[in-house]
Amino acid sequence: MYPDMMKAAVEWQRATMAGARMMISAGTVIQVRVAQMAMGTMKPVEATRMVFEKPSAFMRGTEAAMRAMAGHKGYGAVMEAALAPIEASAGANARRLSSKTLTKGKRRRS
């Protein structure tokens, strides 16, 4: 009984942390992209990426969740599987956009 409870608790903790990381990354991405739109510096490639990346990540998450459900992994593992592609996409965007934003503002020393 207790090993099953601990397994479920760990699965939910992992899913919760994945959700938190995803929300932090999404906030960063939204902040940078809104700033780009407001300043008129958003490139068409970035605008296109902004639209087309979401359905792909959500569909991969749905597939992963269905696979976890079919494998009787438990609800926490299903949530973790569903969030993994979205978290990965949001995290990659946050790193990419943050590095561009941070390096753009730096001045070179002569």
PDB file of N, CA and C in Angstrom:
ATOM      1  N   MET A   1       0.811  -1.192   0.000  1.00  0.00           N
ATOM      2  CA  MET A   1       0.000   0.000   0.000  1.00  0.00           C
ATOM      3  C   MET A   1       0.858   1.262   0.000  1.00  0.00           C
ATOM      4  N   TYR A   2       1.834   1.333   0.889  1.00  0.00           N
ATOM      5  CA  TYR A   2       2.649   2.543   0.978  1.00  0.00           C
ATOM      6  C   TYR A   2       3.531   2.764  -0.239  1.00  0.00           C
ATOM      7  N   PRO A   3       4.131   1.725  -0.813  1.00  0.00           N
ATOM      8  CA  PRO A   3       4.922   1.976  -2.036  1.00  0.00           C
ATOM      9  C   PRO A   3       4.072   2.562  -3.164  1.00  0.00           C
ATOM     10  N   ASP A   4       2.820   2.105  -3.308  1.00  0.00           N
ATOM     11  CA  ASP A   4       1.944   2.661  -4.335  1.00  0.00           C
ATOM     12  C   ASP A   4       1.622   4.124  -4.052  1.00  0.00           C
ATOM     13  N   MET A   5       1.403   4.440  -2.782  1.00  0.00           N
ATOM     14  CA  MET A   5       1.105   5.827  -2.415  1.00  0.00           C
ATOM     15  C   MET A   5       2.306   6.725  -2.677  1.00  0.00           C
ATOM     16  N   MET A   6       3.493   6.236  -2.349  1.00  0.00           N
ATOM     17  CA  MET A   6       4.703   7.033  -2.584  1.00  0.00           C
ATOM     18  C   MET A   6       4.949   7.222  -4.077  1.00  0.00           C
ATOM     19  N   LYS A   7       4.716   6.176  -4.852  1.00  0.00           N
ATOM     20  CA  LYS A   7       4.879   6.273  -6.301  1.00  0.00           C
ATOM     21  C   LYS A   7       3.935   7.319  -6.865  1.00  0.00           C
ATOM     22  N   ALA A   8       2.691   7.311  -6.436  1.00  0.00           N
ATOM     23  CA  ALA A   8       1.711   8.291  -6.898  1.00  0.00           C
ATOM     24  C   ALA A   8       2.110   9.701  -6.470  1.00  0.00           C
ATOM     25  N   ALA A   9       2.597   9.836  -5.241  1.00  0.00           N
ATOM     26  CA  ALA A   9       3.010  11.153  -4.751  1.00  0.00           C
ATOM     27  C   ALA A   9       4.180  11.694  -5.567  1.00  0.00           C
ATOM     28  N   VAL A  10       5.134  10.845  -5.882  1.00  0.00           N
ATOM     29  CA  VAL A  10       6.298  11.269  -6.674  1.00  0.00           C
ATOM     30  C   VAL A  10       5.862  11.642  -8.090  1.00  0.00           C
ATOM     31  N   GLU A  11       4.948  10.863  -8.672  1.00  0.00           N
ATOM     32  CA  GLU A  11       4.450  11.174 -10.018  1.00  0.00           C
ATOM     33  C   GLU A  11       3.766  12.535 -10.038  1.00  0.00           C
ATOM     34  N   TRP A  12       2.921  12.806  -9.044  1.00  0.00           N
ATOM     35  CA  TRP A  12       2.230  14.095  -8.996  1.00  0.00           C
ATOM     36  C   TRP A  12       3.200  15.230  -8.734  1.00  0.00           C
ATOM     37  N   GLN A  13       4.229  14.971  -7.917  1.00  0.00           N
ATOM     38  CA  GLN A  13       5.217  16.010  -7.664  1.00  0.00           C
ATOM     39  C   GLN A  13       5.964  16.344  -8.950  1.00  0.00           C
ATOM     40  N   ARG A  14       6.344  15.329  -9.723  1.00  0.00           N
ATOM     41  CA  ARG A  14       7.023  15.565 -11.005  1.00  0.00           C
ATOM     42  C   ARG A  14       6.118  16.322 -11.972  1.00  0.00           C
ATOM     43  N   ALA A  15       4.847  15.943 -12.024  1.00  0.00           N
ATOM     44  CA  ALA A  15       3.903  16.627 -12.916  1.00  0.00           C
ATOM     45  C   ALA A  15       3.719  18.086 -12.499  1.00  0.00           C
ATOM     46  N   THR A  16       3.641  18.322 -11.195  1.00  0.00           N
ATOM     47  CA  THR A  16       3.488  19.685 -10.699  1.00  0.00           C
ATOM     48  C   THR A  16       4.705  20.535 -11.027  1.00  0.00           C
ATOM     49  N   MET A  17       5.886  19.979 -10.849  1.00  0.00           N
ATOM     50  CA  MET A  17       7.111  20.717 -11.169  1.00  0.00           C
ATOM     51  C   MET A  17       7.217  20.990 -12.671  1.00  0.00           C
ATOM     52  N   ALA A  18       6.805  20.022 -13.490  1.00  0.00           N
ATOM     53  CA  ALA A  18       6.810  20.233 -14.944  1.00  0.00           C
ATOM     54  C   ALA A  18       5.860  21.365 -15.309  1.00  0.00           C
ATOM     55  N   GLY A  19       4.707  21.398 -14.684  1.00  0.00           N
ATOM     56  CA  GLY A  19       3.756  22.477 -14.925  1.00  0.00           C
ATOM     57  C   GLY A  19       4.297  23.825 -14.490  1.00  0.00           C
ATOM     58  N   ALA A  20       4.968  23.852 -13.349  1.00  0.00           N
ATOM     59  CA  ALA A  20       5.549  25.112 -12.863  1.00  0.00           C
ATOM     60  C   ALA A  20       6.653  25.601 -13.796  1.00  0.00           C
ATOM     61  N   ARG A  21       7.524  24.684 -14.232  1.00  0.00           N
ATOM     62  CA  ARG A  21       8.582  25.081 -15.175  1.00  0.00           C
ATOM     63  C   ARG A  21       7.993  25.590 -16.481  1.00  0.00           C
ATOM     64  N   MET A  22       6.946  24.926 -16.943  1.00  0.00           N
ATOM     65  CA  MET A  22       6.293  25.341 -18.178  1.00  0.00           C
ATOM     66  C   MET A  22       5.697  26.744 -18.031  1.00  0.00           C
ATOM     67  N   MET A  23       5.051  27.018 -16.896  1.00  0.00           N
ATOM     68  CA  MET A  23       4.446  28.334 -16.694  1.00  0.00           C
ATOM     69  C   MET A  23       5.492  29.436 -16.617  1.00  0.00           C
ATOM     70  N   ILE A  24       6.615  29.167 -15.964  1.00  0.00           N
ATOM     71  CA  ILE A  24       7.679  30.167 -15.880  1.00  0.00           C
ATOM     72  C   ILE A  24       8.262  30.432 -17.268  1.00  0.00           C
ATOM     73  N   SER A  25       8.514  29.372 -18.020  1.00  0.00           N
ATOM     74  CA  SER A  25       9.046  29.536 -19.381  1.00  0.00           C
ATOM     75  C   SER A  25       8.044  30.271 -20.264  1.00  0.00           C
ATOM     76  N   ALA A  26       6.768  29.913 -20.154  1.00  0.00           N
ATOM     77  CA  ALA A  26       5.739  30.571 -20.967  1.00  0.00           C
ATOM     78  C   ALA A  26       5.649  32.053 -20.638  1.00  0.00           C
ATOM     79  N   GLY A  27       5.772  32.396 -19.372  1.00  0.00           N
ATOM     80  CA  GLY A  27       5.763  33.814 -18.982  1.00  0.00           C
ATOM     81  C   GLY A  27       6.912  34.585 -19.606  1.00  0.00           C
ATOM     82  N   THR A  28       8.089  33.969 -19.623  1.00  0.00           N
ATOM     83  CA  THR A  28       9.252  34.601 -20.248  1.00  0.00           C
ATOM     84  C   THR A  28       9.023  34.793 -21.738  1.00  0.00           C
ATOM     85  N   VAL A  29       8.523  33.762 -22.393  1.00  0.00           N
ATOM     86  CA  VAL A  29       8.278  33.825 -23.839  1.00  0.00           C
ATOM     87  C   VAL A  29       7.240  34.901 -24.154  1.00  0.00           C
ATOM     88  N   ILE A  30       6.170  34.944 -23.392  1.00  0.00           N
ATOM     89  CA  ILE A  30       5.124  35.946 -23.621  1.00  0.00           C
ATOM     90  C   ILE A  30       5.684  37.346 -23.441  1.00  0.00           C
ATOM     91  N   GLN A  31       6.472  37.535 -22.397  1.00  0.00           N
ATOM     92  CA  GLN A  31       7.049  38.854 -22.120  1.00  0.00           C
ATOM     93  C   GLN A  31       7.926  39.318 -23.272  1.00  0.00           C
ATOM     94  N   VAL A  32       8.801  38.453 -23.752  1.00  0.00           N
ATOM     95  CA  VAL A  32       9.715  38.841 -24.829  1.00  0.00           C
ATOM     96  C   VAL A  32       8.964  39.077 -26.130  1.00  0.00           C
ATOM     97  N   ARG A  33       8.023  38.196 -26.440  1.00  0.00           N
ATOM     98  CA  ARG A  33       7.289  38.345 -27.706  1.00  0.00           C
ATOM     99  C   ARG A  33       6.381  39.569 -27.703  1.00  0.00           C
ATOM    100  N   VAL A  34       5.754  39.868 -26.594  1.00  0.00           N
ATOM    101  CA  VAL A  34       4.925  41.075 -26.522  1.00  0.00           C
ATOM    102  C   VAL A  34       5.805  42.310 -26.673  1.00  0.00           C
ATOM    103  N   ALA A  35       6.977  42.292 -26.060  1.00  0.00           N
ATOM    104  CA  ALA A  35       7.903  43.420 -26.209  1.00  0.00           C
ATOM    105  C   ALA A  35       8.337  43.566 -27.668  1.00  0.00           C
ATOM    106  N   GLN A  36       8.615  42.438 -28.327  1.00  0.00           N
ATOM    107  CA  GLN A  36       8.983  42.495 -29.744  1.00  0.00           C
ATOM    108  C   GLN A  36       7.848  43.065 -30.586  1.00  0.00           C
ATOM    109  N   MET A  37       6.628  42.641 -30.311  1.00  0.00           N
ATOM    110  CA  MET A  37       5.484  43.164 -31.068  1.00  0.00           C
ATOM    111  C   MET A  37       5.287  44.656 -30.804  1.00  0.00           C
ATOM    112  N   ALA A  38       5.438  45.066 -29.541  1.00  0.00           N
ATOM    113  CA  ALA A  38       5.234  46.468 -29.185  1.00  0.00           C
ATOM    114  C   ALA A  38       6.281  47.370 -29.835  1.00  0.00           C
ATOM    115  N   MET A  39       7.510  46.862 -29.935  1.00  0.00           N
ATOM    116  CA  MET A  39       8.585  47.667 -30.524  1.00  0.00           C
ATOM    117  C   MET A  39       8.675  47.500 -32.035  1.00  0.00           C
ATOM    118  N   GLY A  40       7.904  46.568 -32.577  1.00  0.00           N
ATOM    119  CA  GLY A  40       7.938  46.329 -34.018  1.00  0.00           C
ATOM    120  C   GLY A  40       9.192  45.616 -34.484  1.00  0.00           C
ATOM    121  N   THR A  41       9.813  44.849 -33.598  1.00  0.00           N
ATOM    122  CA  THR A  41      11.048  44.149 -33.958  1.00  0.00           C
ATOM    123  C   THR A  41      10.843  42.654 -34.180  1.00  0.00           C
ATOM    124  N   MET A  42       9.602  42.192 -34.074  1.00  0.00           N
ATOM    125  CA  MET A  42       9.355  40.761 -34.268  1.00  0.00           C
ATOM    126  C   MET A  42       9.488  40.421 -35.750  1.00  0.00           C
ATOM    127  N   LYS A  43      10.298  39.424 -36.022  1.00  0.00           N
ATOM    128  CA  LYS A  43      10.496  38.984 -37.400  1.00  0.00           C
ATOM    129  C   LYS A  43       9.345  38.064 -37.819  1.00  0.00           C
ATOM    130  N   PRO A  44       9.052  38.013 -39.120  1.00  0.00           N
ATOM    131  CA  PRO A  44       7.980  37.138 -39.591  1.00  0.00           C
ATOM    132  C   PRO A  44       8.197  35.669 -39.217  1.00  0.00           C
ATOM    133  N   VAL A  45       9.449  35.233 -39.177  1.00  0.00           N
ATOM    134  CA  VAL A  45       9.741  33.843 -38.799  1.00  0.00           C
ATOM    135  C   VAL A  45       9.289  33.580 -37.364  1.00  0.00           C
ATOM    136  N   GLU A  46       9.535  34.536 -36.491  1.00  0.00           N
ATOM    137  CA  GLU A  46       9.138  34.381 -35.082  1.00  0.00           C
ATOM    138  C   GLU A  46       7.612  34.398 -34.952  1.00  0.00           C
ATOM    139  N   ALA A  47       6.942  35.251 -35.700  1.00  0.00           N
ATOM    140  CA  ALA A  47       5.481  35.307 -35.659  1.00  0.00           C
ATOM    141  C   ALA A  47       4.875  33.996 -36.153  1.00  0.00           C
ATOM    142  N   THR A  48       5.460  33.439 -37.208  1.00  0.00           N
ATOM    143  CA  THR A  48       4.984  32.157 -37.728  1.00  0.00           C
ATOM    144  C   THR A  48       5.223  31.051 -36.722  1.00  0.00           C
ATOM    145  N   ARG A  49       6.402  31.041 -36.124  1.00  0.00           N
ATOM    146  CA  ARG A  49       6.730  30.024 -35.114  1.00  0.00           C
ATOM    147  C   ARG A  49       5.767  30.104 -33.944  1.00  0.00           C
ATOM    148  N   MET A  50       5.418  31.331 -33.559  1.00  0.00           N
ATOM    149  CA  MET A  50       4.525  31.556 -32.430  1.00  0.00           C
ATOM    150  C   MET A  50       3.165  30.892 -32.669  1.00  0.00           C
ATOM    151  N   VAL A  51       2.717  30.880 -33.906  1.00  0.00           N
ATOM    152  CA  VAL A  51       1.403  30.315 -34.223  1.00  0.00           C
ATOM    153  C   VAL A  51       1.467  28.796 -34.395  1.00  0.00           C
ATOM    154  N   PHE A  52       2.471  28.306 -35.093  1.00  0.00           N
ATOM    155  CA  PHE A  52       2.488  26.894 -35.483  1.00  0.00           C
ATOM    156  C   PHE A  52       3.097  25.950 -34.452  1.00  0.00           C
ATOM    157  N   GLU A  53       3.806  26.455 -33.458  1.00  0.00           N
ATOM    158  CA  GLU A  53       4.437  25.560 -32.493  1.00  0.00           C
ATOM    159  C   GLU A  53       3.439  24.979 -31.491  1.00  0.00           C
ATOM    160  N   LYS A  54       2.395  25.717 -31.200  1.00  0.00           N
ATOM    161  CA  LYS A  54       1.454  25.286 -30.162  1.00  0.00           C
ATOM    162  C   LYS A  54       0.676  24.024 -30.534  1.00  0.00           C
ATOM    163  N   PRO A  55       0.035  23.984 -31.701  1.00  0.00           N
ATOM    164  CA  PRO A  55      -0.704  22.756 -32.029  1.00  0.00           C
ATOM    165  C   PRO A  55       0.186  21.514 -32.051  1.00  0.00           C
ATOM    166  N   SER A  56       1.404  21.661 -32.532  1.00  0.00           N
ATOM    167  CA  SER A  56       2.330  20.529 -32.572  1.00  0.00           C
ATOM    168  C   SER A  56       2.654  20.033 -31.168  1.00  0.00           C
ATOM    169  N   ALA A  57       2.979  20.961 -30.263  1.00  0.00           N
ATOM    170  CA  ALA A  57       3.320  20.575 -28.885  1.00  0.00           C
ATOM    171  C   ALA A  57       2.116  19.948 -28.179  1.00  0.00           C
ATOM    172  N   PHE A  58       0.938  20.517 -28.384  1.00  0.00           N
ATOM    173  CA  PHE A  58      -0.255  19.965 -27.735  1.00  0.00           C
ATOM    174  C   PHE A  58      -0.595  18.582 -28.276  1.00  0.00           C
ATOM    175  N   MET A  59      -0.426  18.382 -29.562  1.00  0.00           N
ATOM    176  CA  MET A  59      -0.719  17.052 -30.124  1.00  0.00           C
ATOM    177  C   MET A  59       0.286  16.003 -29.637  1.00  0.00           C
ATOM    178  N   ARG A  60       1.562  16.383 -29.550  1.00  0.00           N
ATOM    179  CA  ARG A  60       2.551  15.447 -29.003  1.00  0.00           C
ATOM    180  C   ARG A  60       2.237  15.127 -27.548  1.00  0.00           C
ATOM    181  N   GLY A  61       1.804  16.136 -26.785  1.00  0.00           N
ATOM    182  CA  GLY A  61       1.415  15.915 -25.395  1.00  0.00           C
ATOM    183  C   GLY A  61       0.206  15.015 -25.268  1.00  0.00           C
ATOM    184  N   THR A  62      -0.758  15.205 -26.160  1.00  0.00           N
ATOM    185  CA  THR A  62      -1.949  14.354 -26.153  1.00  0.00           C
ATOM    186  C   THR A  62      -1.579  12.914 -26.462  1.00  0.00           C
ATOM    187  N   GLU A  63      -0.723  12.732 -27.456  1.00  0.00           N
ATOM    188  CA  GLU A  63      -0.292  11.375 -27.800  1.00  0.00           C
ATOM    189  C   GLU A  63       0.441  10.715 -26.628  1.00  0.00           C
ATOM    190  N   ALA A  64       1.351  11.462 -26.005  1.00  0.00           N
ATOM    191  CA  ALA A  64       2.098  10.908 -24.876  1.00  0.00           C
ATOM    192  C   ALA A  64       1.164  10.554 -23.715  1.00  0.00           C
ATOM    193  N   ALA A  65       0.164  11.412 -23.472  1.00  0.00           N
ATOM    194  CA  ALA A  65      -0.789  11.131 -22.395  1.00  0.00           C
ATOM    195  C   ALA A  65      -1.611   9.880 -22.700  1.00  0.00           C
ATOM    196  N   MET A  66      -2.029   9.741 -23.942  1.00  0.00           N
ATOM    197  CA  MET A  66      -2.806   8.557 -24.316  1.00  0.00           C
ATOM    198  C   MET A  66      -1.972   7.284 -24.191  1.00  0.00           C
ATOM    199  N   ARG A  67      -0.708   7.371 -24.555  1.00  0.00           N
ATOM    200  CA  ARG A  67       0.176   6.212 -24.410  1.00  0.00           C
ATOM    201  C   ARG A  67       0.356   5.845 -22.934  1.00  0.00           C
ATOM    202  N   ALA A  68       0.504   6.861 -22.088  1.00  0.00           N
ATOM    203  CA  ALA A  68       0.650   6.600 -20.657  1.00  0.00           C
ATOM    204  C   ALA A  68      -0.627   6.002 -20.076  1.00  0.00           C
ATOM    205  N   MET A  69      -1.771   6.498 -20.546  1.00  0.00           N
ATOM    206  CA  MET A  69      -3.043   5.933 -20.076  1.00  0.00           C
ATOM    207  C   MET A  69      -3.201   4.495 -20.539  1.00  0.00           C
ATOM    208  N   ALA A  70      -2.837   4.229 -21.781  1.00  0.00           N
ATOM    209  CA  ALA A  70      -2.956   2.866 -22.302  1.00  0.00           C
ATOM    210  C   ALA A  70      -2.026   1.909 -21.566  1.00  0.00           C
ATOM    211  N   GLY A  71      -0.915   2.444 -21.061  1.00  0.00           N
ATOM    212  CA  GLY A  71       0.034   1.624 -20.321  1.00  0.00           C
ATOM    213  C   GLY A  71      -0.262   1.549 -18.839  1.00  0.00           C
ATOM    214  N   HIS A  72      -1.414   2.099 -18.396  1.00  0.00           N
ATOM    215  CA  HIS A  72      -1.826   2.075 -16.990  1.00  0.00           C
ATOM    216  C   HIS A  72      -0.739   2.648 -16.083  1.00  0.00           C
ATOM    217  N   LYS A  73      -0.211   3.811 -16.457  1.00  0.00           N
ATOM    218  CA  LYS A  73       0.891   4.417 -15.709  1.00  0.00           C
ATOM    219  C   LYS A  73       0.444   5.175 -14.463  1.00  0.00           C
ATOM    220  N   GLY A  74      -0.794   5.589 -14.382  1.00  0.00           N
ATOM    221  CA  GLY A  74      -1.260   6.391 -13.250  1.00  0.00           C
ATOM    222  C   GLY A  74      -1.503   7.828 -13.696  1.00  0.00           C
ATOM    223  N   TYR A  75      -2.385   8.507 -12.981  1.00  0.00           N
ATOM    224  CA  TYR A  75      -2.794   9.848 -13.394  1.00  0.00           C
ATOM    225  C   TYR A  75      -1.659  10.869 -13.352  1.00  0.00           C
ATOM    226  N   GLY A  76      -0.811  10.778 -12.361  1.00  0.00           N
ATOM    227  CA  GLY A  76       0.322  11.701 -12.283  1.00  0.00           C
ATOM    228  C   GLY A  76       1.263  11.527 -13.456  1.00  0.00           C
ATOM    229  N   ALA A  77       1.528  10.291 -13.819  1.00  0.00           N
ATOM    230  CA  ALA A  77       2.406  10.014 -14.961  1.00  0.00           C
ATOM    231  C   ALA A  77       1.761  10.463 -16.266  1.00  0.00           C
ATOM    232  N   VAL A  78       0.441  10.349 -16.342  1.00  0.00           N
ATOM    233  CA  VAL A  78      -0.273  10.822 -17.539  1.00  0.00           C
ATOM    234  C   VAL A  78      -0.121  12.336 -17.664  1.00  0.00           C
ATOM    235  N   MET A  79      -0.283  13.055 -16.576  1.00  0.00           N
ATOM    236  CA  MET A  79      -0.121  14.512 -16.604  1.00  0.00           C
ATOM    237  C   MET A  79       1.306  14.908 -16.963  1.00  0.00           C
ATOM    238  N   GLU A  80       2.256  14.204 -16.377  1.00  0.00           N
ATOM    239  CA  GLU A  80       3.662  14.478 -16.679  1.00  0.00           C
ATOM    240  C   GLU A  80       3.957  14.247 -18.159  1.00  0.00           C
ATOM    241  N   ALA A  81       3.426  13.163 -18.702  1.00  0.00           N
ATOM    242  CA  ALA A  81       3.630  12.860 -20.118  1.00  0.00           C
ATOM    243  C   ALA A  81       2.966  13.909 -21.000  1.00  0.00           C
ATOM    244  N   ALA A  82       1.796  14.385 -20.599  1.00  0.00           N
ATOM    245  CA  ALA A  82       1.089  15.395 -21.384  1.00  0.00           C
ATOM    246  C   ALA A  82       1.830  16.728 -21.374  1.00  0.00           C
ATOM    247  N   LEU A  83       2.441  17.066 -20.254  1.00  0.00           N
ATOM    248  CA  LEU A  83       3.126  18.358 -20.130  1.00  0.00           C
ATOM    249  C   LEU A  83       4.526  18.358 -20.726  1.00  0.00           C
ATOM    250  N   ALA A  84       5.155  17.205 -20.859  1.00  0.00           N
ATOM    251  CA  ALA A  84       6.557  17.150 -21.280  1.00  0.00           C
ATOM    252  C   ALA A  84       6.832  17.853 -22.610  1.00  0.00           C
ATOM    253  N   PRO A  85       6.088  17.605 -23.686  1.00  0.00           N
ATOM    254  CA  PRO A  85       6.386  18.300 -24.938  1.00  0.00           C
ATOM    255  C   PRO A  85       6.112  19.806 -24.872  1.00  0.00           C
ATOM    256  N   ILE A  86       5.087  20.190 -24.124  1.00  0.00           N
ATOM    257  CA  ILE A  86       4.764  21.612 -23.997  1.00  0.00           C
ATOM    258  C   ILE A  86       5.842  22.308 -23.192  1.00  0.00           C
ATOM    259  N   GLU A  87       6.270  21.658 -22.120  1.00  0.00           N
ATOM    260  CA  GLU A  87       7.349  22.210 -21.292  1.00  0.00           C
ATOM    261  C   GLU A  87       8.636  22.338 -22.091  1.00  0.00           C
ATOM    262  N   ALA A  88       8.954  21.326 -22.885  1.00  0.00           N
ATOM    263  CA  ALA A  88      10.179  21.356 -23.690  1.00  0.00           C
ATOM    264  C   ALA A  88      10.130  22.484 -24.713  1.00  0.00           C
ATOM    265  N   SER A  89       8.991  22.660 -25.361  1.00  0.00           N
ATOM    266  CA  SER A  89       8.846  23.720 -26.355  1.00  0.00           C
ATOM    267  C   SER A  89       8.937  25.099 -25.712  1.00  0.00           C
ATOM    268  N   ALA A  90       8.242  25.288 -24.607  1.00  0.00           N
ATOM    269  CA  ALA A  90       8.268  26.579 -23.913  1.00  0.00           C
ATOM    270  C   ALA A  90       9.663  26.877 -23.367  1.00  0.00           C
ATOM    271  N   GLY A  91      10.326  25.857 -22.815  1.00  0.00           N
ATOM    272  CA  GLY A  91      11.678  26.046 -22.282  1.00  0.00           C
ATOM    273  C   GLY A  91      12.676  26.397 -23.372  1.00  0.00           C
ATOM    274  N   ALA A  92      12.580  25.714 -24.508  1.00  0.00           N
ATOM    275  CA  ALA A  92      13.485  26.008 -25.624  1.00  0.00           C
ATOM    276  C   ALA A  92      13.256  27.424 -26.139  1.00  0.00           C
ATOM    277  N   ASN A  93      12.000  27.825 -26.239  1.00  0.00           N
ATOM    278  CA  ASN A  93      11.701  29.190 -26.676  1.00  0.00           C
ATOM    279  C   ASN A  93      12.227  30.218 -25.688  1.00  0.00           C
ATOM    280  N   ALA A  94      12.031  29.972 -24.414  1.00  0.00           N
ATOM    281  CA  ALA A  94      12.502  30.918 -23.390  1.00  0.00           C
ATOM    282  C   ALA A  94      14.017  31.067 -23.449  1.00  0.00           C
ATOM    283  N   ARG A  95      14.724  29.949 -23.588  1.00  0.00           N
ATOM    284  CA  ARG A  95      16.196  30.035 -23.676  1.00  0.00           C
ATOM    285  C   ARG A  95      16.626  30.772 -24.939  1.00  0.00           C
ATOM    286  N   ARG A  96      15.994  30.446 -26.057  1.00  0.00           N
ATOM    287  CA  ARG A  96      16.364  31.064 -27.328  1.00  0.00           C
ATOM    288  C   ARG A  96      16.068  32.565 -27.319  1.00  0.00           C
ATOM    289  N   LEU A  97      14.874  32.933 -26.884  1.00  0.00           N
ATOM    290  CA  LEU A  97      14.492  34.345 -26.892  1.00  0.00           C
ATOM    291  C   LEU A  97      15.255  35.141 -25.842  1.00  0.00           C
ATOM    292  N   SER A  98      15.510  34.534 -24.679  1.00  0.00           N
ATOM    293  CA  SER A  98      16.258  35.235 -23.628  1.00  0.00           C
ATOM    294  C   SER A  98      17.696  35.474 -24.046  1.00  0.00           C
ATOM    295  N   SER A  99      18.303  34.498 -24.698  1.00  0.00           N
ATOM    296  CA  SER A  99      19.702  34.680 -25.104  1.00  0.00           C
ATOM    297  C   SER A  99      19.803  35.750 -26.177  1.00  0.00           C
ATOM    298  N   LYS A 100      18.837  35.816 -27.090  1.00  0.00           N
ATOM    299  CA  LYS A 100      18.836  36.874 -28.104  1.00  0.00           C
ATOM    300  C   LYS A 100      18.645  38.233 -27.467  1.00  0.00           C
ATOM    301  N   THR A 101      17.727  38.309 -26.518  1.00  0.00           N
ATOM    302  CA  THR A 101      17.427  39.578 -25.869  1.00  0.00           C
ATOM    303  C   THR A 101      18.600  40.046 -25.024  1.00  0.00           C
ATOM    304  N   LEU A 102      19.218  39.122 -24.294  1.00  0.00           N
ATOM    305  CA  LEU A 102      20.323  39.496 -23.421  1.00  0.00           C
ATOM    306  C   LEU A 102      21.559  39.906 -24.214  1.00  0.00           C
ATOM    307  N   THR A 103      21.864  39.207 -25.293  1.00  0.00           N
ATOM    308  CA  THR A 103      23.067  39.543 -26.059  1.00  0.00           C
ATOM    309  C   THR A 103      22.868  40.798 -26.891  1.00  0.00           C
ATOM    310  N   LYS A 104      21.633  41.112 -27.225  1.00  0.00           N
ATOM    311  CA  LYS A 104      21.367  42.302 -28.032  1.00  0.00           C
ATOM    312  C   LYS A 104      21.671  43.577 -27.258  1.00  0.00           C
ATOM    313  N   GLY A 105      21.396  43.573 -25.961  1.00  0.00           N
ATOM    314  CA  GLY A 105      21.574  44.780 -25.156  1.00  0.00           C
ATOM    315  C   GLY A 105      22.999  45.008 -24.672  1.00  0.00           C
ATOM    316  N   LYS A 106      23.876  44.035 -24.812  1.00  0.00           N
ATOM    317  CA  LYS A 106      25.245  44.170 -24.320  1.00  0.00           C
ATOM    318  C   LYS A 106      26.062  45.028 -25.267  1.00  0.00           C
ATOM    319  N   ARG A 107      26.936  45.845 -24.692  1.00  0.00           N
ATOM    320  CA  ARG A 107      27.823  46.681 -25.502  1.00  0.00           C
ATOM    321  C   ARG A 107      29.201  46.067 -25.528  1.00  0.00           C
ATOM    322  N   ARG A 108      29.844  46.268 -26.634  1.00  0.00           N
ATOM    323  CA  ARG A 108      31.218  45.792 -26.746  1.00  0.00           C
ATOM    324  C   ARG A 108      32.164  46.821 -26.149  1.00  0.00           C
ATOM    325  N   ARG A 109      33.160  46.319 -25.482  1.00  0.00           N
ATOM    326  CA  ARG A 109      34.199  47.211 -24.937  1.00  0.00           C
ATOM    327  C   ARG A 109      35.317  47.331 -25.939  1.00  0.00           C
ATOM    328  N   SER A 110      35.802  48.534 -26.104  1.00  0.00           N
ATOM    329  CA  SER A 110      36.905  48.759 -27.056  1.00  0.00           C
ATOM    330  C   SER A 110      38.241  48.680 -26.408  1.00  0.00           C
TER     331      SER A 110
END
